[in-house]
Each structure stands twice: as structure tokens, then as C-alpha cells.
PDB file of N, CA and C in Angstrom:
ATOM      1  N   MET A   1      42.352   2.776 -85.217  1.00  0.00           N
ATOM      2  CA  MET A   1      41.262   2.247 -84.438  1.00  0.00           C
ATOM      3  C   MET A   1      40.308   1.496 -85.381  1.00  0.00           C
ATOM      4  N   LEU A   2      39.898   0.312 -84.981  1.00  0.00           N
ATOM      5  CA  LEU A   2      38.948  -0.462 -85.778  1.00  0.00           C
ATOM      6  C   LEU A   2      37.557   0.147 -85.671  1.00  0.00           C
ATOM      7  N   HIS A   3      36.779   0.011 -86.723  1.00  0.00           N
ATOM      8  CA  HIS A   3      35.398   0.500 -86.730  1.00  0.00           C
ATOM      9  C   HIS A   3      34.509  -0.584 -87.322  1.00  0.00           C
ATOM     10  N   PHE A   4      33.441  -0.938 -86.614  1.00  0.00           N
ATOM     11  CA  PHE A   4      32.517  -1.965 -87.081  1.00  0.00           C
ATOM     12  C   PHE A   4      31.136  -1.366 -87.246  1.00  0.00           C
ATOM     13  N   LYS A   5      30.469  -1.715 -88.343  1.00  0.00           N
ATOM     14  CA  LYS A   5      29.117  -1.244 -88.608  1.00  0.00           C
ATOM     15  C   LYS A   5      28.124  -2.291 -88.129  1.00  0.00           C
ATOM     16  N   GLN A   6      27.000  -1.804 -87.619  1.00  0.00           N
ATOM     17  CA  GLN A   6      25.945  -2.676 -87.129  1.00  0.00           C
ATOM     18  C   GLN A   6      25.503  -3.646 -88.223  1.00  0.00           C
ATOM     19  N   PHE A   7      25.402  -4.914 -87.908  1.00  0.00           N
ATOM     20  CA  PHE A   7      24.931  -5.990 -88.781  1.00  0.00           C
ATOM     21  C   PHE A   7      25.887  -6.326 -89.930  1.00  0.00           C
ATOM     22  N   GLU A   8      27.092  -5.758 -89.967  1.00  0.00           N
ATOM     23  CA  GLU A   8      28.096  -6.136 -90.945  1.00  0.00           C
ATOM     24  C   GLU A   8      29.209  -6.889 -90.197  1.00  0.00           C
ATOM     25  N   ARG A   9      29.072  -8.220 -90.160  1.00  0.00           N
ATOM     26  CA  ARG A   9      30.001  -9.029 -89.386  1.00  0.00           C
ATOM     27  C   ARG A   9      31.352  -9.075 -90.092  1.00  0.00           C
ATOM     28  N   PRO A  10      32.419  -8.716 -89.385  1.00  0.00           N
ATOM     29  CA  PRO A  10      33.751  -8.771 -90.002  1.00  0.00           C
ATOM     30  C   PRO A  10      34.170 -10.215 -90.255  1.00  0.00           C
ATOM     31  N   ASP A  11      35.105 -10.391 -91.153  1.00  0.00           N
ATOM     32  CA  ASP A  11      35.554 -11.720 -91.550  1.00  0.00           C
ATOM     33  C   ASP A  11      36.592 -12.243 -90.552  1.00  0.00           C
ATOM     34  N   TYR A  12      36.150 -12.522 -89.340  1.00  0.00           N
ATOM     35  CA  TYR A  12      36.977 -13.115 -88.300  1.00  0.00           C
ATOM     36  C   TYR A  12      36.408 -14.495 -87.972  1.00  0.00           C
ATOM     37  N   GLU A  13      37.216 -15.333 -87.351  1.00  0.00           N
ATOM     38  CA  GLU A  13      36.734 -16.626 -86.895  1.00  0.00           C
ATOM     39  C   GLU A  13      36.216 -16.461 -85.467  1.00  0.00           C
ATOM     40  N   PHE A  14      34.922 -16.209 -85.344  1.00  0.00           N
ATOM     41  CA  PHE A  14      34.298 -15.984 -84.048  1.00  0.00           C
ATOM     42  C   PHE A  14      34.149 -17.290 -83.275  1.00  0.00           C
ATOM     43  N   LYS A  15      34.341 -17.238 -81.963  1.00  0.00           N
ATOM     44  CA  LYS A  15      34.079 -18.360 -81.072  1.00  0.00           C
ATOM     45  C   LYS A  15      32.630 -18.296 -80.641  1.00  0.00           C
ATOM     46  N   GLU A  16      32.090 -19.399 -80.156  1.00  0.00           N
ATOM     47  CA  GLU A  16      30.731 -19.412 -79.614  1.00  0.00           C
ATOM     48  C   GLU A  16      30.803 -19.381 -78.103  1.00  0.00           C
ATOM     49  N   ALA A  17      29.832 -18.750 -77.489  1.00  0.00           N
ATOM     50  CA  ALA A  17      29.741 -18.675 -76.036  1.00  0.00           C
ATOM     51  C   ALA A  17      28.271 -18.715 -75.649  1.00  0.00           C
ATOM     52  N   VAL A  18      28.009 -19.171 -74.447  1.00  0.00           N
ATOM     53  CA  VAL A  18      26.652 -19.192 -73.903  1.00  0.00           C
ATOM     54  C   VAL A  18      26.622 -18.240 -72.718  1.00  0.00           C
ATOM     55  N   LYS A  19      25.629 -17.375 -72.704  1.00  0.00           N
ATOM     56  CA  LYS A  19      25.488 -16.411 -71.611  1.00  0.00           C
ATOM     57  C   LYS A  19      25.193 -17.138 -70.306  1.00  0.00           C
ATOM     58  N   LYS A  20      25.865 -16.746 -69.246  1.00  0.00           N
ATOM     59  CA  LYS A  20      25.660 -17.360 -67.942  1.00  0.00           C
ATOM     60  C   LYS A  20      24.247 -17.101 -67.452  1.00  0.00           C
ATOM     61  N   PRO A  21      23.652 -18.081 -66.788  1.00  0.00           N
ATOM     62  CA  PRO A  21      22.307 -17.848 -66.241  1.00  0.00           C
ATOM     63  C   PRO A  21      22.400 -17.001 -64.972  1.00  0.00           C
ATOM     64  N   VAL A  22      22.163 -15.716 -65.114  1.00  0.00           N
ATOM     65  CA  VAL A  22      22.240 -14.789 -63.989  1.00  0.00           C
ATOM     66  C   VAL A  22      20.845 -14.258 -63.713  1.00  0.00           C
ATOM     67  N   LYS A  23      20.395 -14.402 -62.476  1.00  0.00           N
ATOM     68  CA  LYS A  23      19.084 -13.883 -62.112  1.00  0.00           C
ATOM     69  C   LYS A  23      19.143 -12.366 -62.007  1.00  0.00           C
ATOM     70  N   ILE A  24      18.121 -11.703 -62.530  1.00  0.00           N
ATOM     71  CA  ILE A  24      18.012 -10.255 -62.414  1.00  0.00           C
ATOM     72  C   ILE A  24      16.616  -9.925 -61.927  1.00  0.00           C
ATOM     73  N   LYS A  25      16.406  -8.714 -61.535  1.00  0.00           N
ATOM     74  CA  LYS A  25      15.087  -8.219 -61.139  1.00  0.00           C
ATOM     75  C   LYS A  25      14.508  -7.446 -62.315  1.00  0.00           C
ATOM     76  N   CYS A  26      13.198  -7.540 -62.506  1.00  0.00           N
ATOM     77  CA  CYS A  26      12.563  -6.833 -63.613  1.00  0.00           C
ATOM     78  C   CYS A  26      11.078  -6.643 -63.300  1.00  0.00           C
ATOM     79  N   ILE A  27      10.502  -5.637 -63.954  1.00  0.00           N
ATOM     80  CA  ILE A  27       9.066  -5.394 -63.838  1.00  0.00           C
ATOM     81  C   ILE A  27       8.575  -4.844 -65.172  1.00  0.00           C
ATOM     82  N   GLN A  28       7.426  -5.340 -65.622  1.00  0.00           N
ATOM     83  CA  GLN A  28       6.843  -4.839 -66.862  1.00  0.00           C
ATOM     84  C   GLN A  28       6.071  -3.568 -66.542  1.00  0.00           C
ATOM     85  N   MET A  29       6.416  -2.481 -67.235  1.00  0.00           N
ATOM     86  CA  MET A  29       5.811  -1.174 -66.979  1.00  0.00           C
ATOM     87  C   MET A  29       4.524  -1.019 -67.795  1.00  0.00           C
ATOM     88  N   GLN A  30       3.543  -0.387 -67.205  1.00  0.00           N
ATOM     89  CA  GLN A  30       2.254  -0.211 -67.852  1.00  0.00           C
ATOM     90  C   GLN A  30       2.112   1.142 -68.535  1.00  0.00           C
ATOM     91  N   GLU A  31       3.140   1.978 -68.391  1.00  0.00           N
ATOM     92  CA  GLU A  31       3.122   3.282 -69.062  1.00  0.00           C
ATOM     93  C   GLU A  31       4.537   3.630 -69.508  1.00  0.00           C
ATOM     94  N   ALA A  32       4.642   4.593 -70.421  1.00  0.00           N
ATOM     95  CA  ALA A  32       5.957   5.021 -70.903  1.00  0.00           C
ATOM     96  C   ALA A  32       6.796   5.543 -69.737  1.00  0.00           C
ATOM     97  N   PHE A  33       8.120   5.399 -69.855  1.00  0.00           N
ATOM     98  CA  PHE A  33       9.004   5.821 -68.771  1.00  0.00           C
ATOM     99  C   PHE A  33      10.369   6.210 -69.322  1.00  0.00           C
ATOM    100  N   THR A  34      11.124   6.931 -68.514  1.00  0.00           N
ATOM    101  CA  THR A  34      12.530   7.207 -68.805  1.00  0.00           C
ATOM    102  C   THR A  34      13.337   6.705 -67.624  1.00  0.00           C
ATOM    103  N   VAL A  35      14.576   6.329 -67.889  1.00  0.00           N
ATOM    104  CA  VAL A  35      15.449   5.848 -66.827  1.00  0.00           C
ATOM    105  C   VAL A  35      16.870   6.307 -67.131  1.00  0.00           C
ATOM    106  N   GLU A  36      17.561   6.769 -66.098  1.00  0.00           N
ATOM    107  CA  GLU A  36      18.956   7.160 -66.232  1.00  0.00           C
ATOM    108  C   GLU A  36      19.796   5.891 -66.169  1.00  0.00           C
ATOM    109  N   THR A  37      20.511   5.599 -67.266  1.00  0.00           N
ATOM    110  CA  THR A  37      21.325   4.395 -67.350  1.00  0.00           C
ATOM    111  C   THR A  37      22.802   4.779 -67.370  1.00  0.00           C
ATOM    112  N   LEU A  38      23.655   3.768 -67.403  1.00  0.00           N
ATOM    113  CA  LEU A  38      25.090   4.022 -67.501  1.00  0.00           C
ATOM    114  C   LEU A  38      25.452   4.670 -68.825  1.00  0.00           C
ATOM    115  N   GLU A  39      24.582   4.530 -69.850  1.00  0.00           N
ATOM    116  CA  GLU A  39      24.827   5.106 -71.174  1.00  0.00           C
ATOM    117  C   GLU A  39      24.072   6.408 -71.393  1.00  0.00           C
ATOM    118  N   GLY A  40      23.377   6.903 -70.382  1.00  0.00           N
ATOM    119  CA  GLY A  40      22.587   8.118 -70.510  1.00  0.00           C
ATOM    120  C   GLY A  40      21.114   7.816 -70.298  1.00  0.00           C
ATOM    121  N   THR A  41      20.272   8.822 -70.455  1.00  0.00           N
ATOM    122  CA  THR A  41      18.841   8.657 -70.256  1.00  0.00           C
ATOM    123  C   THR A  41      18.241   7.903 -71.438  1.00  0.00           C
ATOM    124  N   MET A  42      17.459   6.856 -71.124  1.00  0.00           N
ATOM    125  CA  MET A  42      16.828   6.045 -72.156  1.00  0.00           C
ATOM    126  C   MET A  42      15.329   6.004 -71.906  1.00  0.00           C
ATOM    127  N   ASN A  43      14.575   5.799 -72.976  1.00  0.00           N
ATOM    128  CA  ASN A  43      13.117   5.742 -72.904  1.00  0.00           C
ATOM    129  C   ASN A  43      12.617   4.324 -73.003  1.00  0.00           C
ATOM    130  N   GLY A  44      11.514   4.055 -72.332  1.00  0.00           N
ATOM    131  CA  GLY A  44      10.814   2.786 -72.459  1.00  0.00           C
ATOM    132  C   GLY A  44       9.361   3.068 -72.784  1.00  0.00           C
ATOM    133  N   LYS A  45       8.723   2.133 -73.498  1.00  0.00           N
ATOM    134  CA  LYS A  45       7.317   2.262 -73.868  1.00  0.00           C
ATOM    135  C   LYS A  45       6.465   1.466 -72.880  1.00  0.00           C
ATOM    136  N   ALA A  46       5.171   1.740 -72.874  1.00  0.00           N
ATOM    137  CA  ALA A  46       4.252   0.914 -72.100  1.00  0.00           C
ATOM    138  C   ALA A  46       4.418  -0.521 -72.590  1.00  0.00           C
ATOM    139  N   GLY A  47       4.559  -1.469 -71.669  1.00  0.00           N
ATOM    140  CA  GLY A  47       4.767  -2.868 -72.010  1.00  0.00           C
ATOM    141  C   GLY A  47       6.225  -3.288 -71.970  1.00  0.00           C
ATOM    142  N   ASP A  48       7.160  -2.319 -72.021  1.00  0.00           N
ATOM    143  CA  ASP A  48       8.586  -2.642 -71.900  1.00  0.00           C
ATOM    144  C   ASP A  48       8.896  -2.979 -70.448  1.00  0.00           C
ATOM    145  N   TRP A  49      10.084  -3.459 -70.235  1.00  0.00           N
ATOM    146  CA  TRP A  49      10.508  -3.911 -68.906  1.00  0.00           C
ATOM    147  C   TRP A  49      11.566  -2.980 -68.330  1.00  0.00           C
ATOM    148  N   LEU A  50      11.463  -2.709 -67.036  1.00  0.00           N
ATOM    149  CA  LEU A  50      12.497  -1.996 -66.299  1.00  0.00           C
ATOM    150  C   LEU A  50      13.322  -3.059 -65.601  1.00  0.00           C
ATOM    151  N   MET A  51      14.612  -3.092 -65.919  1.00  0.00           N
ATOM    152  CA  MET A  51      15.499  -4.141 -65.446  1.00  0.00           C
ATOM    153  C   MET A  51      16.489  -3.596 -64.417  1.00  0.00           C
ATOM    154  N   VAL A  52      16.874  -4.444 -63.483  1.00  0.00           N
ATOM    155  CA  VAL A  52      17.944  -4.148 -62.538  1.00  0.00           C
ATOM    156  C   VAL A  52      19.070  -5.117 -62.850  1.00  0.00           C
ATOM    157  N   GLY A  53      20.196  -4.592 -63.309  1.00  0.00           N
ATOM    158  CA  GLY A  53      21.322  -5.430 -63.719  1.00  0.00           C
ATOM    159  C   GLY A  53      22.081  -6.021 -62.555  1.00  0.00           C
ATOM    160  N   VAL A  54      23.113  -6.807 -62.860  1.00  0.00           N
ATOM    161  CA  VAL A  54      23.876  -7.532 -61.853  1.00  0.00           C
ATOM    162  C   VAL A  54      24.629  -6.608 -60.904  1.00  0.00           C
ATOM    163  N   SER A  55      24.874  -5.368 -61.303  1.00  0.00           N
ATOM    164  CA  SER A  55      25.560  -4.411 -60.432  1.00  0.00           C
ATOM    165  C   SER A  55      24.603  -3.386 -59.842  1.00  0.00           C
ATOM    166  N   GLY A  56      23.286  -3.611 -59.994  1.00  0.00           N
ATOM    167  CA  GLY A  56      22.292  -2.700 -59.441  1.00  0.00           C
ATOM    168  C   GLY A  56      21.889  -1.596 -60.397  1.00  0.00           C
ATOM    169  N   GLU A  57      22.445  -1.579 -61.606  1.00  0.00           N
ATOM    170  CA  GLU A  57      22.128  -0.544 -62.580  1.00  0.00           C
ATOM    171  C   GLU A  57      20.743  -0.774 -63.168  1.00  0.00           C
ATOM    172  N   LEU A  58      20.055   0.303 -63.508  1.00  0.00           N
ATOM    173  CA  LEU A  58      18.728   0.226 -64.122  1.00  0.00           C
ATOM    174  C   LEU A  58      18.840   0.429 -65.625  1.00  0.00           C
ATOM    175  N   TYR A  59      17.981  -0.263 -66.379  1.00  0.00           N
ATOM    176  CA  TYR A  59      17.922  -0.060 -67.822  1.00  0.00           C
ATOM    177  C   TYR A  59      16.597  -0.588 -68.347  1.00  0.00           C
ATOM    178  N   PRO A  60      16.127  -0.036 -69.483  1.00  0.00           N
ATOM    179  CA  PRO A  60      14.903  -0.534 -70.087  1.00  0.00           C
ATOM    180  C   PRO A  60      15.204  -1.695 -71.017  1.00  0.00           C
ATOM    181  N   CYS A  61      14.204  -2.561 -71.212  1.00  0.00           N
ATOM    182  CA  CYS A  61      14.328  -3.658 -72.167  1.00  0.00           C
ATOM    183  C   CYS A  61      13.029  -3.724 -72.965  1.00  0.00           C
ATOM    184  N   ASP A  62      13.139  -3.619 -74.280  1.00  0.00           N
ATOM    185  CA  ASP A  62      11.992  -3.726 -75.156  1.00  0.00           C
ATOM    186  C   ASP A  62      11.291  -5.064 -74.920  1.00  0.00           C
ATOM    187  N   HIS A  63       9.959  -5.054 -74.951  1.00  0.00           N
ATOM    188  CA  HIS A  63       9.190  -6.263 -74.652  1.00  0.00           C
ATOM    189  C   HIS A  63       9.540  -7.418 -75.587  1.00  0.00           C
ATOM    190  N   GLU A  64       9.692  -7.156 -76.879  1.00  0.00           N
ATOM    191  CA  GLU A  64      10.015  -8.225 -77.833  1.00  0.00           C
ATOM    192  C   GLU A  64      11.395  -8.821 -77.552  1.00  0.00           C
ATOM    193  N   ILE A  65      12.349  -7.987 -77.194  1.00  0.00           N
ATOM    194  CA  ILE A  65      13.689  -8.472 -76.828  1.00  0.00           C
ATOM    195  C   ILE A  65      13.608  -9.290 -75.540  1.00  0.00           C
ATOM    196  N   PHE A  66      12.808  -8.819 -74.590  1.00  0.00           N
ATOM    197  CA  PHE A  66      12.630  -9.547 -73.329  1.00  0.00           C
ATOM    198  C   PHE A  66      12.125 -10.961 -73.601  1.00  0.00           C
ATOM    199  N   LEU A  67      11.102 -11.088 -74.461  1.00  0.00           N
ATOM    200  CA  LEU A  67      10.523 -12.400 -74.755  1.00  0.00           C
ATOM    201  C   LEU A  67      11.547 -13.346 -75.391  1.00  0.00           C
ATOM    202  N   LYS A  68      12.469 -12.831 -76.183  1.00  0.00           N
ATOM    203  CA  LYS A  68      13.488 -13.643 -76.828  1.00  0.00           C
ATOM    204  C   LYS A  68      14.626 -14.000 -75.887  1.00  0.00           C
ATOM    205  N   SER A  69      14.843 -13.191 -74.845  1.00  0.00           N
ATOM    206  CA  SER A  69      16.051 -13.315 -74.021  1.00  0.00           C
ATOM    207  C   SER A  69      15.828 -13.844 -72.622  1.00  0.00           C
ATOM    208  N   TYR A  70      14.627 -13.735 -72.089  1.00  0.00           N
ATOM    209  CA  TYR A  70      14.400 -14.052 -70.678  1.00  0.00           C
ATOM    210  C   TYR A  70      13.213 -14.985 -70.486  1.00  0.00           C
ATOM    211  N   ASP A  71      13.260 -15.757 -69.423  1.00  0.00           N
ATOM    212  CA  ASP A  71      12.138 -16.546 -68.914  1.00  0.00           C
ATOM    213  C   ASP A  71      11.889 -16.069 -67.496  1.00  0.00           C
ATOM    214  N   LEU A  72      10.641 -15.752 -67.179  1.00  0.00           N
ATOM    215  CA  LEU A  72      10.308 -15.348 -65.813  1.00  0.00           C
ATOM    216  C   LEU A  72      10.374 -16.549 -64.882  1.00  0.00           C
ATOM    217  N   ILE A  73      10.824 -16.311 -63.655  1.00  0.00           N
ATOM    218  CA  ILE A  73      10.900 -17.335 -62.625  1.00  0.00           C
ATOM    219  C   ILE A  73       9.727 -17.121 -61.685  1.00  0.00           C
ATOM    220  N   ASP A  74       8.982 -18.162 -61.431  1.00  0.00           N
ATOM    221  CA  ASP A  74       7.837 -18.039 -60.515  1.00  0.00           C
ATOM    222  C   ASP A  74       8.292 -18.035 -59.080  1.00  0.00           C
TER     223      ASP A  74
END
């Protein structure tokens, strides 16, 4: 079985891809929270986002990651 370490990119010829523009639902939380996700219970901090994925699953998203990855739609 192959094993990869975080931030140690293996010497493969990777292809490039662009993530599809998929609308999701989200809300910025004003207090700390926990949410049961597909990977287990996860914590969010005040200011993080509670997201609803494409299959209806819930998950937290760190605010800094949200700013890099998403644009809000008015």
C-alpha cells in the first residue's frame, strides 16, 4: 500500500484540474460549534463557516480557508 506524507509531494507527473463551480449553502457562525461529519465529529471556531455540501452533508470550514476558496453570491 502506498503511503504519502502531508506536504511531501511524490515525484509523479501531476495533471492540472480546475474545481467545478458548484453552489453550496453556508453560514458564518458567531460562536464555537461542533458538527457530525462524514469523517466524525469536528469542531469549528467563532467566525468559521458551517457548510452544506453537494450531497447535503454538513462540515466546518476555517474562515481563512473559506476566504481563499469561496466567493459569496449575493
